[in-house]
Amino acid sequence: MPKIFEYLGILIFFYSNEHEPIHVHAKKGEFESKAEFYIVDGIISEIKITNSSGSLPLKGKDLKDFEIFLETFGDEIVKKWINYFVYHKEVTFEKITKRLK
């Protein structure tokens, strides 16, 4: 389970046996959601947040923080997904402690 980011206590990660579409999981406490990235002509056209099966979804402030994080770091998440699952490279973990605007 490669952990790629932590933002305001929300852990953002991939499961090691992931599948397409490109997506990332976010977990805080017992709450977990998933964000799927839809890419057209090499550009993120949509990010769709869905529930992760078997878990209660992120809600309220945590869900909003996750949405803001995705808007800012979406391209970096996609790059890390491709590096890990396509090129089998290690990905770095980054902890972001300042609130994004």
PDB file of N, CA and C in Angstrom:
ATOM      1  N   MET A   1       0.842  -1.177   0.000  1.00  0.00           N
ATOM      2  CA  MET A   1       0.000   0.000   0.000  1.00  0.00           C
ATOM      3  C   MET A   1       0.885   1.238   0.000  1.00  0.00           C
ATOM      4  N   PRO A   2       1.241   1.735  -1.182  1.00  0.00           N
ATOM      5  CA  PRO A   2       2.065   2.945  -1.235  1.00  0.00           C
ATOM      6  C   PRO A   2       1.303   4.174  -0.731  1.00  0.00           C
ATOM      7  N   LYS A   3       1.831   4.785   0.298  1.00  0.00           N
ATOM      8  CA  LYS A   3       1.286   6.040   0.803  1.00  0.00           C
ATOM      9  C   LYS A   3       1.970   7.149   0.025  1.00  0.00           C
ATOM     10  N   ILE A   4       1.182   8.055  -0.537  1.00  0.00           N
ATOM     11  CA  ILE A   4       1.800   9.093  -1.376  1.00  0.00           C
ATOM     12  C   ILE A   4       1.708  10.487  -0.784  1.00  0.00           C
ATOM     13  N   PHE A   5       0.653  10.775  -0.026  1.00  0.00           N
ATOM     14  CA  PHE A   5       0.501  12.082   0.596  1.00  0.00           C
ATOM     15  C   PHE A   5      -0.203  11.941   1.936  1.00  0.00           C
ATOM     16  N   GLU A   6       0.042  12.916   2.788  1.00  0.00           N
ATOM     17  CA  GLU A   6      -0.818  13.134   3.940  1.00  0.00           C
ATOM     18  C   GLU A   6      -1.136  14.610   3.939  1.00  0.00           C
ATOM     19  N   TYR A   7      -2.421  14.926   4.050  1.00  0.00           N
ATOM     20  CA  TYR A   7      -2.863  16.314   4.036  1.00  0.00           C
ATOM     21  C   TYR A   7      -3.856  16.519   5.169  1.00  0.00           C
ATOM     22  N   LEU A   8      -3.456  17.313   6.151  1.00  0.00           N
ATOM     23  CA  LEU A   8      -4.314  17.649   7.291  1.00  0.00           C
ATOM     24  C   LEU A   8      -4.906  16.390   7.948  1.00  0.00           C
ATOM     25  N   GLY A   9      -4.085  15.363   8.083  1.00  0.00           N
ATOM     26  CA  GLY A   9      -4.508  14.129   8.726  1.00  0.00           C
ATOM     27  C   GLY A   9      -5.198  13.132   7.803  1.00  0.00           C
ATOM     28  N   ILE A  10      -5.389  13.494   6.545  1.00  0.00           N
ATOM     29  CA  ILE A  10      -5.989  12.588   5.560  1.00  0.00           C
ATOM     30  C   ILE A  10      -4.855  11.864   4.843  1.00  0.00           C
ATOM     31  N   LEU A  11      -4.852  10.551   4.927  1.00  0.00           N
ATOM     32  CA  LEU A  11      -3.829   9.743   4.266  1.00  0.00           C
ATOM     33  C   LEU A  11      -4.303   9.423   2.855  1.00  0.00           C
ATOM     34  N   ILE A  12      -3.458   9.727   1.861  1.00  0.00           N
ATOM     35  CA  ILE A  12      -3.794   9.489   0.460  1.00  0.00           C
ATOM     36  C   ILE A  12      -2.846   8.413  -0.044  1.00  0.00           C
ATOM     37  N   PHE A  13      -3.427   7.354  -0.628  1.00  0.00           N
ATOM     38  CA  PHE A  13      -2.617   6.176  -0.954  1.00  0.00           C
ATOM     39  C   PHE A  13      -3.236   5.376  -2.095  1.00  0.00           C
ATOM     40  N   PHE A  14      -2.426   4.423  -2.602  1.00  0.00           N
ATOM     41  CA  PHE A  14      -2.885   3.420  -3.556  1.00  0.00           C
ATOM     42  C   PHE A  14      -2.878   2.076  -2.838  1.00  0.00           C
ATOM     43  N   TYR A  15      -3.748   1.181  -3.227  1.00  0.00           N
ATOM     44  CA  TYR A  15      -3.590  -0.222  -2.853  1.00  0.00           C
ATOM     45  C   TYR A  15      -2.627  -0.834  -3.862  1.00  0.00           C
ATOM     46  N   SER A  16      -1.855  -1.807  -3.455  1.00  0.00           N
ATOM     47  CA  SER A  16      -0.828  -2.386  -4.322  1.00  0.00           C
ATOM     48  C   SER A  16      -1.381  -3.125  -5.533  1.00  0.00           C
ATOM     49  N   ASN A  17      -2.625  -3.536  -5.489  1.00  0.00           N
ATOM     50  CA  ASN A  17      -3.208  -4.291  -6.604  1.00  0.00           C
ATOM     51  C   ASN A  17      -4.249  -3.459  -7.348  1.00  0.00           C
ATOM     52  N   GLU A  18      -3.959  -2.206  -7.595  1.00  0.00           N
ATOM     53  CA  GLU A  18      -4.925  -1.292  -8.205  1.00  0.00           C
ATOM     54  C   GLU A  18      -5.215  -1.637  -9.663  1.00  0.00           C
ATOM     55  N   HIS A  19      -6.216  -0.986 -10.199  1.00  0.00           N
ATOM     56  CA  HIS A  19      -6.704  -1.197 -11.550  1.00  0.00           C
ATOM     57  C   HIS A  19      -7.118   0.161 -12.112  1.00  0.00           C
ATOM     58  N   GLU A  20      -7.352   0.196 -13.397  1.00  0.00           N
ATOM     59  CA  GLU A  20      -7.831   1.439 -14.002  1.00  0.00           C
ATOM     60  C   GLU A  20      -9.326   1.584 -13.748  1.00  0.00           C
ATOM     61  N   PRO A  21      -9.892   2.767 -13.768  1.00  0.00           N
ATOM     62  CA  PRO A  21      -9.238   4.032 -14.080  1.00  0.00           C
ATOM     63  C   PRO A  21      -8.268   4.434 -12.966  1.00  0.00           C
ATOM     64  N   ILE A  22      -7.385   5.338 -13.315  1.00  0.00           N
ATOM     65  CA  ILE A  22      -6.452   5.865 -12.320  1.00  0.00           C
ATOM     66  C   ILE A  22      -7.274   6.411 -11.165  1.00  0.00           C
ATOM     67  N   HIS A  23      -6.922   5.985  -9.968  1.00  0.00           N
ATOM     68  CA  HIS A  23      -7.639   6.471  -8.793  1.00  0.00           C
ATOM     69  C   HIS A  23      -6.755   6.409  -7.564  1.00  0.00           C
ATOM     70  N   VAL A  24      -7.207   7.087  -6.531  1.00  0.00           N
ATOM     71  CA  VAL A  24      -6.472   7.171  -5.272  1.00  0.00           C
ATOM     72  C   VAL A  24      -7.484   7.050  -4.139  1.00  0.00           C
ATOM     73  N   HIS A  25      -7.033   6.531  -3.015  1.00  0.00           N
ATOM     74  CA  HIS A  25      -7.881   6.403  -1.833  1.00  0.00           C
ATOM     75  C   HIS A  25      -7.473   7.448  -0.806  1.00  0.00           C
ATOM     76  N   ALA A  26      -8.426   7.896  -0.026  1.00  0.00           N
ATOM     77  CA  ALA A  26      -8.167   8.852   1.056  1.00  0.00           C
ATOM     78  C   ALA A  26      -8.838   8.318   2.310  1.00  0.00           C
ATOM     79  N   LYS A  27      -8.086   8.317   3.403  1.00  0.00           N
ATOM     80  CA  LYS A  27      -8.604   7.735   4.645  1.00  0.00           C
ATOM     81  C   LYS A  27      -8.269   8.650   5.812  1.00  0.00           C
ATOM     82  N   LYS A  28      -9.270   8.823   6.665  1.00  0.00           N
ATOM     83  CA  LYS A  28      -9.059   9.528   7.924  1.00  0.00           C
ATOM     84  C   LYS A  28      -9.915   8.820   8.959  1.00  0.00           C
ATOM     85  N   GLY A  29      -9.250   8.225   9.943  1.00  0.00           N
ATOM     86  CA  GLY A  29      -9.973   7.422  10.923  1.00  0.00           C
ATOM     87  C   GLY A  29     -10.611   6.238  10.238  1.00  0.00           C
ATOM     88  N   GLU A  30     -11.887   6.008  10.515  1.00  0.00           N
ATOM     89  CA  GLU A  30     -12.583   4.879   9.888  1.00  0.00           C
ATOM     90  C   GLU A  30     -13.250   5.261   8.563  1.00  0.00           C
ATOM     91  N   PHE A  31     -13.071   6.500   8.118  1.00  0.00           N
ATOM     92  CA  PHE A  31     -13.703   6.989   6.896  1.00  0.00           C
ATOM     93  C   PHE A  31     -12.747   6.877   5.710  1.00  0.00           C
ATOM     94  N   GLU A  32     -13.275   6.437   4.577  1.00  0.00           N
ATOM     95  CA  GLU A  32     -12.445   6.289   3.380  1.00  0.00           C
ATOM     96  C   GLU A  32     -13.275   6.578   2.136  1.00  0.00           C
ATOM     97  N   SER A  33     -12.688   7.338   1.212  1.00  0.00           N
ATOM     98  CA  SER A  33     -13.300   7.618  -0.082  1.00  0.00           C
ATOM     99  C   SER A  33     -12.276   7.361  -1.165  1.00  0.00           C
ATOM    100  N   LYS A  34     -12.748   7.352  -2.404  1.00  0.00           N
ATOM    101  CA  LYS A  34     -11.888   7.105  -3.552  1.00  0.00           C
ATOM    102  C   LYS A  34     -12.124   8.210  -4.573  1.00  0.00           C
ATOM    103  N   ALA A  35     -11.055   8.634  -5.239  1.00  0.00           N
ATOM    104  CA  ALA A  35     -11.173   9.636  -6.306  1.00  0.00           C
ATOM    105  C   ALA A  35     -10.673   9.019  -7.601  1.00  0.00           C
ATOM    106  N   GLU A  36     -11.529   9.024  -8.617  1.00  0.00           N
ATOM    107  CA  GLU A  36     -11.176   8.493  -9.930  1.00  0.00           C
ATOM    108  C   GLU A  36     -10.859   9.655 -10.864  1.00  0.00           C
ATOM    109  N   PHE A  37      -9.797   9.482 -11.648  1.00  0.00           N
ATOM    110  CA  PHE A  37      -9.332  10.517 -12.564  1.00  0.00           C
ATOM    111  C   PHE A  37      -9.688  10.112 -13.991  1.00  0.00           C
ATOM    112  N   TYR A  38     -10.387  11.001 -14.686  1.00  0.00           N
ATOM    113  CA  TYR A  38     -10.723  10.767 -16.083  1.00  0.00           C
ATOM    114  C   TYR A  38      -9.865  11.714 -16.913  1.00  0.00           C
ATOM    115  N   ILE A  39      -9.115  11.122 -17.836  1.00  0.00           N
ATOM    116  CA  ILE A  39      -8.102  11.871 -18.584  1.00  0.00           C
ATOM    117  C   ILE A  39      -8.439  11.831 -20.070  1.00  0.00           C
ATOM    118  N   VAL A  40      -8.446  13.010 -20.681  1.00  0.00           N
ATOM    119  CA  VAL A  40      -8.699  13.138 -22.111  1.00  0.00           C
ATOM    120  C   VAL A  40      -7.544  13.918 -22.715  1.00  0.00           C
ATOM    121  N   ASP A  41      -6.905  13.324 -23.721  1.00  0.00           N
ATOM    122  CA  ASP A  41      -5.769  13.958 -24.402  1.00  0.00           C
ATOM    123  C   ASP A  41      -4.684  14.397 -23.417  1.00  0.00           C
ATOM    124  N   GLY A  42      -4.415  13.562 -22.418  1.00  0.00           N
ATOM    125  CA  GLY A  42      -3.347  13.832 -21.464  1.00  0.00           C
ATOM    126  C   GLY A  42      -3.686  14.851 -20.387  1.00  0.00           C
ATOM    127  N   ILE A  43      -4.943  15.290 -20.322  1.00  0.00           N
ATOM    128  CA  ILE A  43      -5.349  16.300 -19.347  1.00  0.00           C
ATOM    129  C   ILE A  43      -6.499  15.745 -18.506  1.00  0.00           C
ATOM    130  N   ILE A  44      -6.437  16.007 -17.204  1.00  0.00           N
ATOM    131  CA  ILE A  44      -7.519  15.571 -16.326  1.00  0.00           C
ATOM    132  C   ILE A  44      -8.781  16.346 -16.699  1.00  0.00           C
ATOM    133  N   SER A  45      -9.802  15.623 -17.144  1.00  0.00           N
ATOM    134  CA  SER A  45     -11.049  16.285 -17.522  1.00  0.00           C
ATOM    135  C   SER A  45     -12.062  16.264 -16.383  1.00  0.00           C
ATOM    136  N   GLU A  46     -11.930  15.265 -15.494  1.00  0.00           N
ATOM    137  CA  GLU A  46     -12.873  15.154 -14.385  1.00  0.00           C
ATOM    138  C   GLU A  46     -12.234  14.319 -13.276  1.00  0.00           C
ATOM    139  N   ILE A  47     -12.552  14.681 -12.041  1.00  0.00           N
ATOM    140  CA  ILE A  47     -12.192  13.882 -10.880  1.00  0.00           C
ATOM    141  C   ILE A  47     -13.496  13.577 -10.159  1.00  0.00           C
ATOM    142  N   LYS A  48     -13.783  12.291 -10.032  1.00  0.00           N
ATOM    143  CA  LYS A  48     -15.041  11.868  -9.429  1.00  0.00           C
ATOM    144  C   LYS A  48     -14.763  11.163  -8.102  1.00  0.00           C
ATOM    145  N   ILE A  49     -15.320  11.694  -7.018  1.00  0.00           N
ATOM    146  CA  ILE A  49     -15.152  11.092  -5.697  1.00  0.00           C
ATOM    147  C   ILE A  49     -16.287  10.116  -5.461  1.00  0.00           C
ATOM    148  N   THR A  50     -15.911   8.888  -5.095  1.00  0.00           N
ATOM    149  CA  THR A  50     -16.893   7.838  -4.839  1.00  0.00           C
ATOM    150  C   THR A  50     -16.612   7.190  -3.488  1.00  0.00           C
ATOM    151  N   ASN A  51     -17.557   6.369  -3.055  1.00  0.00           N
ATOM    152  CA  ASN A  51     -17.361   5.619  -1.821  1.00  0.00           C
ATOM    153  C   ASN A  51     -16.411   4.459  -2.063  1.00  0.00           C
ATOM    154  N   SER A  52     -15.672   4.104  -1.032  1.00  0.00           N
ATOM    155  CA  SER A  52     -14.815   2.929  -1.057  1.00  0.00           C
ATOM    156  C   SER A  52     -15.609   1.798  -0.427  1.00  0.00           C
ATOM    157  N   SER A  53     -15.733   0.678  -1.119  1.00  0.00           N
ATOM    158  CA  SER A  53     -16.607  -0.385  -0.609  1.00  0.00           C
ATOM    159  C   SER A  53     -16.146  -0.859   0.766  1.00  0.00           C
ATOM    160  N   GLY A  54     -17.122  -1.050   1.628  1.00  0.00           N
ATOM    161  CA  GLY A  54     -16.840  -1.546   2.968  1.00  0.00           C
ATOM    162  C   GLY A  54     -16.448  -0.490   3.977  1.00  0.00           C
ATOM    163  N   SER A  55     -16.427   0.777   3.566  1.00  0.00           N
ATOM    164  CA  SER A  55     -16.032   1.863   4.468  1.00  0.00           C
ATOM    165  C   SER A  55     -17.057   2.989   4.433  1.00  0.00           C
ATOM    166  N   LEU A  56     -17.145   3.699   5.528  1.00  0.00           N
ATOM    167  CA  LEU A  56     -17.940   4.918   5.540  1.00  0.00           C
ATOM    168  C   LEU A  56     -17.173   5.994   4.777  1.00  0.00           C
ATOM    169  N   PRO A  57     -17.845   6.810   3.949  1.00  0.00           N
ATOM    170  CA  PRO A  57     -17.130   7.823   3.161  1.00  0.00           C
ATOM    171  C   PRO A  57     -16.707   9.026   4.007  1.00  0.00           C
ATOM    172  N   LEU A  58     -15.654   9.700   3.531  1.00  0.00           N
ATOM    173  CA  LEU A  58     -15.280  10.980   4.129  1.00  0.00           C
ATOM    174  C   LEU A  58     -16.485  11.903   4.044  1.00  0.00           C
ATOM    175  N   LYS A  59     -16.616  12.807   4.999  1.00  0.00           N
ATOM    176  CA  LYS A  59     -17.744  13.729   4.956  1.00  0.00           C
ATOM    177  C   LYS A  59     -17.345  15.073   5.537  1.00  0.00           C
ATOM    178  N   GLY A  60     -18.205  16.050   5.311  1.00  0.00           N
ATOM    179  CA  GLY A  60     -18.017  17.378   5.880  1.00  0.00           C
ATOM    180  C   GLY A  60     -16.699  18.018   5.495  1.00  0.00           C
ATOM    181  N   LYS A  61     -16.029  18.554   6.489  1.00  0.00           N
ATOM    182  CA  LYS A  61     -14.774  19.286   6.293  1.00  0.00           C
ATOM    183  C   LYS A  61     -13.693  18.402   5.668  1.00  0.00           C
ATOM    184  N   ASP A  62     -13.620  17.141   6.082  1.00  0.00           N
ATOM    185  CA  ASP A  62     -12.609  16.241   5.527  1.00  0.00           C
ATOM    186  C   ASP A  62     -12.835  16.002   4.039  1.00  0.00           C
ATOM    187  N   LEU A  63     -14.084  15.836   3.624  1.00  0.00           N
ATOM    188  CA  LEU A  63     -14.386  15.650   2.215  1.00  0.00           C
ATOM    189  C   LEU A  63     -14.022  16.903   1.430  1.00  0.00           C
ATOM    190  N   LYS A  64     -14.345  18.070   1.954  1.00  0.00           N
ATOM    191  CA  LYS A  64     -14.005  19.333   1.277  1.00  0.00           C
ATOM    192  C   LYS A  64     -12.493  19.494   1.171  1.00  0.00           C
ATOM    193  N   ASP A  65     -11.760  19.173   2.253  1.00  0.00           N
ATOM    194  CA  ASP A  65     -10.290  19.238   2.215  1.00  0.00           C
ATOM    195  C   ASP A  65      -9.738  18.296   1.153  1.00  0.00           C
ATOM    196  N   PHE A  66     -10.307  17.104   1.038  1.00  0.00           N
ATOM    197  CA  PHE A  66      -9.870  16.145   0.019  1.00  0.00           C
ATOM    198  C   PHE A  66     -10.125  16.703  -1.380  1.00  0.00           C
ATOM    199  N   GLU A  67     -11.291  17.295  -1.604  1.00  0.00           N
ATOM    200  CA  GLU A  67     -11.612  17.893  -2.905  1.00  0.00           C
ATOM    201  C   GLU A  67     -10.613  18.987  -3.273  1.00  0.00           C
ATOM    202  N   ILE A  68     -10.301  19.858  -2.331  1.00  0.00           N
ATOM    203  CA  ILE A  68      -9.342  20.945  -2.576  1.00  0.00           C
ATOM    204  C   ILE A  68      -7.961  20.367  -2.866  1.00  0.00           C
ATOM    205  N   PHE A  69      -7.578  19.339  -2.116  1.00  0.00           N
ATOM    206  CA  PHE A  69      -6.287  18.692  -2.342  1.00  0.00           C
ATOM    207  C   PHE A  69      -6.214  18.121  -3.763  1.00  0.00           C
ATOM    208  N   LEU A  70      -7.265  17.453  -4.201  1.00  0.00           N
ATOM    209  CA  LEU A  70      -7.283  16.860  -5.540  1.00  0.00           C
ATOM    210  C   LEU A  70      -7.151  17.917  -6.628  1.00  0.00           C
ATOM    211  N   GLU A  71      -7.810  19.052  -6.447  1.00  0.00           N
ATOM    212  CA  GLU A  71      -7.715  20.139  -7.428  1.00  0.00           C
ATOM    213  C   GLU A  71      -6.275  20.625  -7.570  1.00  0.00           C
ATOM    214  N   THR A  72      -5.560  20.673  -6.450  1.00  0.00           N
ATOM    215  CA  THR A  72      -4.196  21.197  -6.445  1.00  0.00           C
ATOM    216  C   THR A  72      -3.169  20.146  -6.863  1.00  0.00           C
ATOM    217  N   PHE A  73      -3.331  18.914  -6.407  1.00  0.00           N
ATOM    218  CA  PHE A  73      -2.314  17.878  -6.600  1.00  0.00           C
ATOM    219  C   PHE A  73      -2.733  16.774  -7.563  1.00  0.00           C
ATOM    220  N   GLY A  74      -3.807  16.971  -8.318  1.00  0.00           N
ATOM    221  CA  GLY A  74      -4.287  15.943  -9.234  1.00  0.00           C
ATOM    222  C   GLY A  74      -3.240  15.457 -10.215  1.00  0.00           C
ATOM    223  N   ASP A  75      -2.533  16.372 -10.866  1.00  0.00           N
ATOM    224  CA  ASP A  75      -1.516  15.981 -11.839  1.00  0.00           C
ATOM    225  C   ASP A  75      -0.402  15.175 -11.184  1.00  0.00           C
ATOM    226  N   GLU A  76      -0.008  15.567  -9.986  1.00  0.00           N
ATOM    227  CA  GLU A  76       1.048  14.847  -9.263  1.00  0.00           C
ATOM    228  C   GLU A  76       0.590  13.443  -8.868  1.00  0.00           C
ATOM    229  N   ILE A  77      -0.666  13.297  -8.481  1.00  0.00           N
ATOM    230  CA  ILE A  77      -1.211  11.979  -8.143  1.00  0.00           C
ATOM    231  C   ILE A  77      -1.173  11.076  -9.373  1.00  0.00           C
ATOM    232  N   VAL A  78      -1.603  11.588 -10.517  1.00  0.00           N
ATOM    233  CA  VAL A  78      -1.592  10.799 -11.758  1.00  0.00           C
ATOM    234  C   VAL A  78      -0.165  10.381 -12.104  1.00  0.00           C
ATOM    235  N   LYS A  79       0.794  11.285 -11.984  1.00  0.00           N
ATOM    236  CA  LYS A  79       2.197  10.950 -12.264  1.00  0.00           C
ATOM    237  C   LYS A  79       2.689   9.840 -11.345  1.00  0.00           C
ATOM    238  N   LYS A  80       2.350   9.937 -10.058  1.00  0.00           N
ATOM    239  CA  LYS A  80       2.780   8.898  -9.117  1.00  0.00           C
ATOM    240  C   LYS A  80       2.126   7.559  -9.445  1.00  0.00           C
ATOM    241  N   TRP A  81       0.850   7.568  -9.836  1.00  0.00           N
ATOM    242  CA  TRP A  81       0.151   6.334 -10.197  1.00  0.00           C
ATOM    243  C   TRP A  81       0.848   5.673 -11.388  1.00  0.00           C
ATOM    244  N   ILE A  82       1.138   6.462 -12.413  1.00  0.00           N
ATOM    245  CA  ILE A  82       1.802   5.932 -13.617  1.00  0.00           C
ATOM    246  C   ILE A  82       3.194   5.418 -13.276  1.00  0.00           C
ATOM    247  N   ASN A  83       3.951   6.181 -12.498  1.00  0.00           N
ATOM    248  CA  ASN A  83       5.297   5.731 -12.122  1.00  0.00           C
ATOM    249  C   ASN A  83       5.251   4.414 -11.370  1.00  0.00           C
ATOM    250  N   TYR A  84       4.291   4.275 -10.469  1.00  0.00           N
ATOM    251  CA  TYR A  84       4.226   3.074  -9.638  1.00  0.00           C
ATOM    252  C   TYR A  84       3.680   1.867 -10.404  1.00  0.00           C
ATOM    253  N   PHE A  85       2.559   2.036 -11.088  1.00  0.00           N
ATOM    254  CA  PHE A  85       1.891   0.891 -11.702  1.00  0.00           C
ATOM    255  C   PHE A  85       2.354   0.589 -13.125  1.00  0.00           C
ATOM    256  N   VAL A  86       2.831   1.578 -13.866  1.00  0.00           N
ATOM    257  CA  VAL A  86       3.269   1.345 -15.248  1.00  0.00           C
ATOM    258  C   VAL A  86       4.779   1.119 -15.295  1.00  0.00           C
ATOM    259  N   TYR A  87       5.539   2.013 -14.650  1.00  0.00           N
ATOM    260  CA  TYR A  87       6.998   1.934 -14.722  1.00  0.00           C
ATOM    261  C   TYR A  87       7.629   1.197 -13.541  1.00  0.00           C
ATOM    262  N   HIS A  88       6.812   0.807 -12.566  1.00  0.00           N
ATOM    263  CA  HIS A  88       7.277   0.051 -11.385  1.00  0.00           C
ATOM    264  C   HIS A  88       8.395   0.769 -10.642  1.00  0.00           C
ATOM    265  N   LYS A  89       8.241   2.073 -10.513  1.00  0.00           N
ATOM    266  CA  LYS A  89       9.196   2.900  -9.773  1.00  0.00           C
ATOM    267  C   LYS A  89       8.674   3.158  -8.371  1.00  0.00           C
ATOM    268  N   GLU A  90       9.576   3.424  -7.464  1.00  0.00           N
ATOM    269  CA  GLU A  90       9.189   3.839  -6.118  1.00  0.00           C
ATOM    270  C   GLU A  90       8.559   5.231  -6.197  1.00  0.00           C
ATOM    271  N   VAL A  91       7.611   5.499  -5.331  1.00  0.00           N
ATOM    272  CA  VAL A  91       7.017   6.834  -5.263  1.00  0.00           C
ATOM    273  C   VAL A  91       7.324   7.427  -3.896  1.00  0.00           C
ATOM    274  N   THR A  92       7.496   8.730  -3.862  1.00  0.00           N
ATOM    275  CA  THR A  92       7.841   9.395  -2.613  1.00  0.00           C
ATOM    276  C   THR A  92       6.587   9.805  -1.856  1.00  0.00           C
ATOM    277  N   PHE A  93       6.711   9.820  -0.553  1.00  0.00           N
ATOM    278  CA  PHE A  93       5.646  10.244   0.340  1.00  0.00           C
ATOM    279  C   PHE A  93       5.876  11.703   0.685  1.00  0.00           C
ATOM    280  N   GLU A  94       4.810  12.499   0.648  1.00  0.00           N
ATOM    281  CA  GLU A  94       4.905  13.914   1.003  1.00  0.00           C
ATOM    282  C   GLU A  94       3.831  14.247   2.036  1.00  0.00           C
ATOM    283  N   LYS A  95       4.218  14.958   3.069  1.00  0.00           N
ATOM    284  CA  LYS A  95       3.277  15.396   4.085  1.00  0.00           C
ATOM    285  C   LYS A  95       3.073  16.893   3.932  1.00  0.00           C
ATOM    286  N   ILE A  96       1.835  17.288   3.722  1.00  0.00           N
ATOM    287  CA  ILE A  96       1.498  18.704   3.545  1.00  0.00           C
ATOM    288  C   ILE A  96       0.734  19.147   4.789  1.00  0.00           C
ATOM    289  N   THR A  97       1.299  20.101   5.511  1.00  0.00           N
ATOM    290  CA  THR A  97       0.709  20.505   6.770  1.00  0.00           C
ATOM    291  C   THR A  97       0.010  21.857   6.697  1.00  0.00           C
ATOM    292  N   LYS A  98       0.257  22.610   5.625  1.00  0.00           N
ATOM    293  CA  LYS A  98      -0.398  23.911   5.481  1.00  0.00           C
ATOM    294  C   LYS A  98      -1.668  23.750   4.667  1.00  0.00           C
ATOM    295  N   ARG A  99      -2.723  24.392   5.131  1.00  0.00           N
ATOM    296  CA  ARG A  99      -4.013  24.338   4.458  1.00  0.00           C
ATOM    297  C   ARG A  99      -3.902  24.988   3.085  1.00  0.00           C
ATOM    298  N   LEU A 100      -4.427  24.304   2.078  1.00  0.00           N
ATOM    299  CA  LEU A 100      -4.465  24.837   0.723  1.00  0.00           C
ATOM    300  C   LEU A 100      -5.667  25.782   0.612  1.00  0.00           C
ATOM    301  N   LYS A 101      -5.548  26.754  -0.210  1.00  0.00           N
ATOM    302  CA  LYS A 101      -6.639  27.745  -0.391  1.00  0.00           C
ATOM    303  C   LYS A 101      -7.562  27.309  -1.484  1.00  0.00           C
TER     304      LYS A 101
END
